[in-house]
Structures are given as C-alpha cells and as structure tokens.
Amino acid sequence: MLRDGTPCLVYDEQLPHLIKHVEFSREDYQLTLIYKLPENLGKHGRKFEFPLDHRFVQHLEKRKKVAVACVQNGDLFEIKMYSVVFADPKKAVKK
C-alpha cells in the first residue's frame, strides 16, 4: 500500500510491453498486468504468482485503481496508476 492507502503492486523485472490495465480474477484471487498491444494480437499479460489476501481485494474493489511500480536496489520508481478490471473467470489470458 502507498501512504495514501492506494493498493500497490511491485515488480522487479523489465516488462516486454507497456501496461494497459490490471486484471483481477475472482476465480483464483490473482492479478495480471495486461499489456497494451494491438487488438489483433489478443490479450497478453504477466500474471503475479501469488493469491491476494481478502483485505487487499477489498481495497481493489473500493478504489477500482491500483498503483504499479518497479523496484530496483530497494527503491520504487515508475509508479503509475491503472484501472482494475474484474475479469470473467472463463476468459483466459495468454502469457
């Protein structure tokens, strides 16, 4: 969480594409960074490998936004805000 209470996701590697939005799956309680790609390429993203706790999900549902930041050498940078899309569990995301 950021100081103002905004939920925040942190990644530690270079992403191959810009982020379009963050998708939350109620089926497995996991988040995926959905990449900004041309429509004809379909939906691709980077799924976080851990399920979220219930309180974090409540913050997502309330705010409908999440901060996403990169961490290197213990410092956060490139903190950006994205909309959270609550996904239909039947629609798969390509990795």
N, C-alpha and C. Protein backbone atom coordinates (compact mmCIF):
# COMPACT_ATOMS: atom_id res chain seq x y z
N MET A 1 0.84 -1.18 0.00
CA MET A 1 0.00 0.00 0.00
C MET A 1 0.89 1.25 0.00
N LEU A 2 0.41 2.25 -0.72
CA LEU A 2 1.09 3.54 -0.67
C LEU A 2 0.64 4.29 0.59
N ARG A 3 1.30 5.36 0.92
CA ARG A 3 0.97 6.12 2.13
C ARG A 3 -0.48 6.58 2.18
N ASP A 4 -1.05 6.88 1.02
CA ASP A 4 -2.45 7.36 0.99
C ASP A 4 -3.46 6.21 1.00
N GLY A 5 -2.99 4.96 1.12
CA GLY A 5 -3.89 3.81 1.17
C GLY A 5 -4.15 3.15 -0.17
N THR A 6 -3.56 3.68 -1.24
CA THR A 6 -3.73 3.08 -2.56
C THR A 6 -3.04 1.72 -2.62
N PRO A 7 -3.75 0.69 -3.08
CA PRO A 7 -3.10 -0.61 -3.26
C PRO A 7 -1.97 -0.47 -4.28
N CYS A 8 -0.86 -1.17 -4.04
CA CYS A 8 0.30 -1.06 -4.93
C CYS A 8 0.88 -2.44 -5.23
N LEU A 9 1.15 -2.69 -6.50
CA LEU A 9 1.83 -3.90 -6.95
C LEU A 9 3.25 -3.52 -7.33
N VAL A 10 4.20 -4.39 -7.03
CA VAL A 10 5.60 -4.11 -7.31
C VAL A 10 6.18 -5.27 -8.11
N TYR A 11 6.91 -4.94 -9.17
CA TYR A 11 7.60 -5.97 -9.96
C TYR A 11 9.08 -5.61 -10.02
N ASP A 12 9.91 -6.61 -10.28
CA ASP A 12 11.36 -6.38 -10.23
C ASP A 12 12.08 -6.78 -11.52
N GLU A 13 11.37 -6.79 -12.62
CA GLU A 13 11.99 -7.14 -13.90
C GLU A 13 11.44 -6.24 -14.99
N GLN A 14 12.18 -6.14 -16.08
CA GLN A 14 11.75 -5.33 -17.22
C GLN A 14 10.55 -6.00 -17.89
N LEU A 15 9.47 -5.26 -18.07
CA LEU A 15 8.30 -5.81 -18.75
C LEU A 15 8.49 -5.64 -20.26
N PRO A 16 7.98 -6.59 -21.06
CA PRO A 16 8.18 -6.52 -22.50
C PRO A 16 7.30 -5.48 -23.20
N HIS A 17 6.23 -5.02 -22.53
CA HIS A 17 5.30 -4.06 -23.15
C HIS A 17 4.77 -3.11 -22.08
N LEU A 18 4.19 -2.00 -22.52
CA LEU A 18 3.52 -1.09 -21.61
C LEU A 18 2.27 -1.77 -21.05
N ILE A 19 1.82 -1.31 -19.90
CA ILE A 19 0.64 -1.88 -19.25
C ILE A 19 -0.61 -1.11 -19.70
N LYS A 20 -1.67 -1.84 -20.01
CA LYS A 20 -2.96 -1.24 -20.38
C LYS A 20 -3.83 -1.09 -19.13
N HIS A 21 -3.97 -2.18 -18.36
CA HIS A 21 -4.73 -2.18 -17.12
C HIS A 21 -4.33 -3.39 -16.29
N VAL A 22 -4.88 -3.48 -15.11
CA VAL A 22 -4.63 -4.62 -14.22
C VAL A 22 -5.92 -5.41 -14.12
N GLU A 23 -5.82 -6.72 -14.26
CA GLU A 23 -7.00 -7.58 -14.24
C GLU A 23 -6.98 -8.44 -12.98
N PHE A 24 -8.13 -8.51 -12.30
CA PHE A 24 -8.26 -9.34 -11.11
C PHE A 24 -9.21 -10.49 -11.41
N SER A 25 -8.78 -11.71 -11.08
CA SER A 25 -9.60 -12.90 -11.28
C SER A 25 -10.20 -13.32 -9.95
N ARG A 26 -11.51 -13.32 -9.86
CA ARG A 26 -12.18 -13.78 -8.64
C ARG A 26 -12.05 -15.30 -8.49
N GLU A 27 -11.75 -15.98 -9.58
CA GLU A 27 -11.63 -17.43 -9.54
C GLU A 27 -10.41 -17.88 -8.72
N ASP A 28 -9.26 -17.25 -8.95
CA ASP A 28 -8.04 -17.67 -8.24
C ASP A 28 -7.43 -16.57 -7.37
N TYR A 29 -8.12 -15.42 -7.24
CA TYR A 29 -7.66 -14.30 -6.43
C TYR A 29 -6.26 -13.84 -6.84
N GLN A 30 -6.01 -13.79 -8.14
CA GLN A 30 -4.71 -13.35 -8.63
C GLN A 30 -4.87 -12.17 -9.58
N LEU A 31 -3.79 -11.40 -9.70
CA LEU A 31 -3.75 -10.23 -10.57
C LEU A 31 -2.86 -10.49 -11.78
N THR A 32 -3.24 -9.87 -12.90
CA THR A 32 -2.45 -9.94 -14.12
C THR A 32 -2.28 -8.54 -14.67
N LEU A 33 -1.05 -8.18 -15.02
CA LEU A 33 -0.80 -6.93 -15.72
C LEU A 33 -1.10 -7.19 -17.19
N ILE A 34 -2.11 -6.53 -17.73
CA ILE A 34 -2.49 -6.72 -19.13
C ILE A 34 -1.73 -5.71 -19.98
N TYR A 35 -1.04 -6.21 -21.00
CA TYR A 35 -0.20 -5.36 -21.83
C TYR A 35 -1.02 -4.57 -22.85
N LYS A 36 -0.49 -3.41 -23.19
CA LYS A 36 -1.08 -2.55 -24.21
C LYS A 36 -0.53 -3.01 -25.57
N LEU A 37 -1.35 -3.78 -26.30
CA LEU A 37 -0.96 -4.34 -27.59
C LEU A 37 -2.06 -4.08 -28.61
N PRO A 38 -1.74 -4.16 -29.91
CA PRO A 38 -2.79 -4.04 -30.92
C PRO A 38 -3.87 -5.10 -30.71
N GLU A 39 -5.11 -4.74 -30.99
CA GLU A 39 -6.25 -5.64 -30.77
C GLU A 39 -6.08 -6.99 -31.46
N ASN A 40 -5.46 -7.00 -32.64
CA ASN A 40 -5.35 -8.25 -33.39
C ASN A 40 -4.40 -9.27 -32.74
N LEU A 41 -3.65 -8.85 -31.73
CA LEU A 41 -2.74 -9.78 -31.03
C LEU A 41 -3.41 -10.45 -29.84
N GLY A 42 -4.63 -10.05 -29.53
CA GLY A 42 -5.32 -10.65 -28.39
C GLY A 42 -4.85 -10.05 -27.08
N LYS A 43 -5.25 -10.70 -25.99
CA LYS A 43 -4.93 -10.21 -24.65
C LYS A 43 -3.76 -11.01 -24.08
N HIS A 44 -2.68 -10.31 -23.76
CA HIS A 44 -1.49 -10.92 -23.19
C HIS A 44 -1.13 -10.17 -21.92
N GLY A 45 -0.47 -10.85 -20.99
CA GLY A 45 -0.08 -10.18 -19.77
C GLY A 45 0.88 -10.98 -18.92
N ARG A 46 1.23 -10.40 -17.78
CA ARG A 46 2.12 -11.03 -16.79
C ARG A 46 1.31 -11.27 -15.53
N LYS A 47 1.12 -12.54 -15.20
CA LYS A 47 0.34 -12.90 -14.03
C LYS A 47 1.24 -12.98 -12.80
N PHE A 48 0.79 -12.38 -11.71
CA PHE A 48 1.52 -12.50 -10.45
C PHE A 48 1.31 -13.91 -9.91
N GLU A 49 2.31 -14.48 -9.32
CA GLU A 49 2.31 -15.89 -8.93
C GLU A 49 1.78 -16.16 -7.53
N PHE A 50 1.07 -15.23 -6.94
CA PHE A 50 0.59 -15.44 -5.57
C PHE A 50 -0.85 -14.97 -5.46
N PRO A 51 -1.67 -15.65 -4.66
CA PRO A 51 -3.04 -15.19 -4.43
C PRO A 51 -3.03 -14.01 -3.45
N LEU A 52 -4.01 -13.14 -3.59
CA LEU A 52 -4.12 -11.96 -2.73
C LEU A 52 -4.91 -12.26 -1.47
N ASP A 53 -4.64 -11.50 -0.43
CA ASP A 53 -5.45 -11.67 0.78
C ASP A 53 -6.74 -10.86 0.63
N HIS A 54 -7.73 -11.22 1.44
CA HIS A 54 -9.07 -10.64 1.32
C HIS A 54 -9.07 -9.13 1.52
N ARG A 55 -8.28 -8.61 2.45
CA ARG A 55 -8.27 -7.16 2.70
C ARG A 55 -7.75 -6.38 1.50
N PHE A 56 -6.71 -6.90 0.84
CA PHE A 56 -6.18 -6.23 -0.34
C PHE A 56 -7.24 -6.18 -1.44
N VAL A 57 -7.97 -7.28 -1.61
CA VAL A 57 -9.03 -7.34 -2.61
C VAL A 57 -10.13 -6.33 -2.28
N GLN A 58 -10.47 -6.17 -1.02
CA GLN A 58 -11.47 -5.17 -0.62
C GLN A 58 -11.03 -3.77 -1.03
N HIS A 59 -9.74 -3.46 -0.87
CA HIS A 59 -9.22 -2.15 -1.30
C HIS A 59 -9.35 -2.00 -2.82
N LEU A 60 -9.05 -3.06 -3.56
CA LEU A 60 -9.18 -3.00 -5.02
C LEU A 60 -10.63 -2.74 -5.43
N GLU A 61 -11.55 -3.45 -4.80
CA GLU A 61 -12.97 -3.29 -5.14
C GLU A 61 -13.47 -1.89 -4.80
N LYS A 62 -12.98 -1.33 -3.72
CA LYS A 62 -13.41 0.00 -3.30
C LYS A 62 -12.84 1.09 -4.21
N ARG A 63 -11.56 1.02 -4.50
CA ARG A 63 -10.88 2.08 -5.25
C ARG A 63 -10.95 1.91 -6.77
N LYS A 64 -11.00 0.67 -7.25
CA LYS A 64 -11.03 0.36 -8.68
C LYS A 64 -9.78 0.84 -9.42
N LYS A 65 -8.76 1.21 -8.66
CA LYS A 65 -7.47 1.63 -9.21
C LYS A 65 -6.37 0.97 -8.39
N VAL A 66 -5.21 0.79 -9.01
CA VAL A 66 -4.06 0.22 -8.31
C VAL A 66 -2.80 0.91 -8.84
N ALA A 67 -1.86 1.14 -7.94
CA ALA A 67 -0.56 1.66 -8.35
C ALA A 67 0.32 0.47 -8.73
N VAL A 68 1.12 0.65 -9.76
CA VAL A 68 2.07 -0.39 -10.18
C VAL A 68 3.44 0.29 -10.24
N ALA A 69 4.42 -0.35 -9.60
CA ALA A 69 5.76 0.25 -9.53
C ALA A 69 6.82 -0.81 -9.78
N CYS A 70 7.95 -0.35 -10.26
CA CYS A 70 9.11 -1.21 -10.43
C CYS A 70 10.06 -0.96 -9.25
N VAL A 71 10.71 -2.00 -8.77
CA VAL A 71 11.68 -1.86 -7.68
C VAL A 71 13.05 -2.32 -8.17
N GLN A 72 14.05 -1.51 -7.88
CA GLN A 72 15.44 -1.88 -8.17
C GLN A 72 16.30 -1.34 -7.04
N ASN A 73 17.17 -2.19 -6.52
CA ASN A 73 18.05 -1.82 -5.41
C ASN A 73 17.27 -1.25 -4.23
N GLY A 74 16.08 -1.77 -3.99
CA GLY A 74 15.28 -1.35 -2.85
C GLY A 74 14.50 -0.06 -3.04
N ASP A 75 14.61 0.57 -4.20
CA ASP A 75 13.90 1.83 -4.47
C ASP A 75 12.77 1.61 -5.46
N LEU A 76 11.62 2.24 -5.19
CA LEU A 76 10.49 2.20 -6.12
C LEU A 76 10.63 3.32 -7.13
N PHE A 77 10.31 3.02 -8.38
CA PHE A 77 10.26 4.06 -9.40
C PHE A 77 9.23 3.69 -10.44
N GLU A 78 8.94 4.62 -11.33
CA GLU A 78 7.91 4.43 -12.36
C GLU A 78 6.58 4.02 -11.74
N ILE A 79 6.17 4.71 -10.69
CA ILE A 79 4.88 4.40 -10.06
C ILE A 79 3.78 5.01 -10.93
N LYS A 80 2.89 4.16 -11.43
CA LYS A 80 1.79 4.62 -12.29
C LYS A 80 0.48 4.00 -11.80
N MET A 81 -0.61 4.71 -12.04
CA MET A 81 -1.94 4.24 -11.64
C MET A 81 -2.63 3.57 -12.83
N TYR A 82 -3.32 2.46 -12.54
CA TYR A 82 -4.06 1.74 -13.57
C TYR A 82 -5.43 1.34 -13.05
N SER A 83 -6.38 1.24 -13.96
CA SER A 83 -7.71 0.74 -13.62
C SER A 83 -7.63 -0.76 -13.35
N VAL A 84 -8.48 -1.22 -12.44
CA VAL A 84 -8.59 -2.65 -12.17
C VAL A 84 -9.84 -3.16 -12.88
N VAL A 85 -9.68 -4.19 -13.69
CA VAL A 85 -10.79 -4.84 -14.38
C VAL A 85 -11.04 -6.16 -13.68
N PHE A 86 -12.27 -6.38 -13.25
CA PHE A 86 -12.64 -7.62 -12.58
C PHE A 86 -13.08 -8.60 -13.66
N ALA A 87 -12.22 -9.60 -13.91
CA ALA A 87 -12.34 -10.46 -15.09
C ALA A 87 -13.34 -11.59 -14.92
N ASP A 88 -13.91 -11.96 -16.05
CA ASP A 88 -14.73 -13.15 -16.15
C ASP A 88 -13.79 -14.34 -16.06
N PRO A 89 -13.98 -15.24 -15.08
CA PRO A 89 -13.05 -16.36 -14.92
C PRO A 89 -12.97 -17.29 -16.12
N LYS A 90 -13.90 -17.23 -17.02
CA LYS A 90 -13.90 -18.13 -18.18
C LYS A 90 -12.99 -17.65 -19.30
N LYS A 91 -12.54 -16.38 -19.25
CA LYS A 91 -11.69 -15.83 -20.30
C LYS A 91 -10.24 -15.92 -19.88
N ALA A 92 -9.46 -16.67 -20.61
CA ALA A 92 -8.05 -16.88 -20.28
C ALA A 92 -7.19 -15.75 -20.83
N VAL A 93 -6.08 -15.50 -20.16
CA VAL A 93 -5.10 -14.52 -20.59
C VAL A 93 -3.88 -15.27 -21.10
N LYS A 94 -3.41 -14.89 -22.29
CA LYS A 94 -2.21 -15.52 -22.85
C LYS A 94 -0.98 -14.91 -22.19
N LYS A 95 0.01 -15.74 -21.94
CA LYS A 95 1.26 -15.24 -21.34
C LYS A 95 2.26 -14.93 -22.41
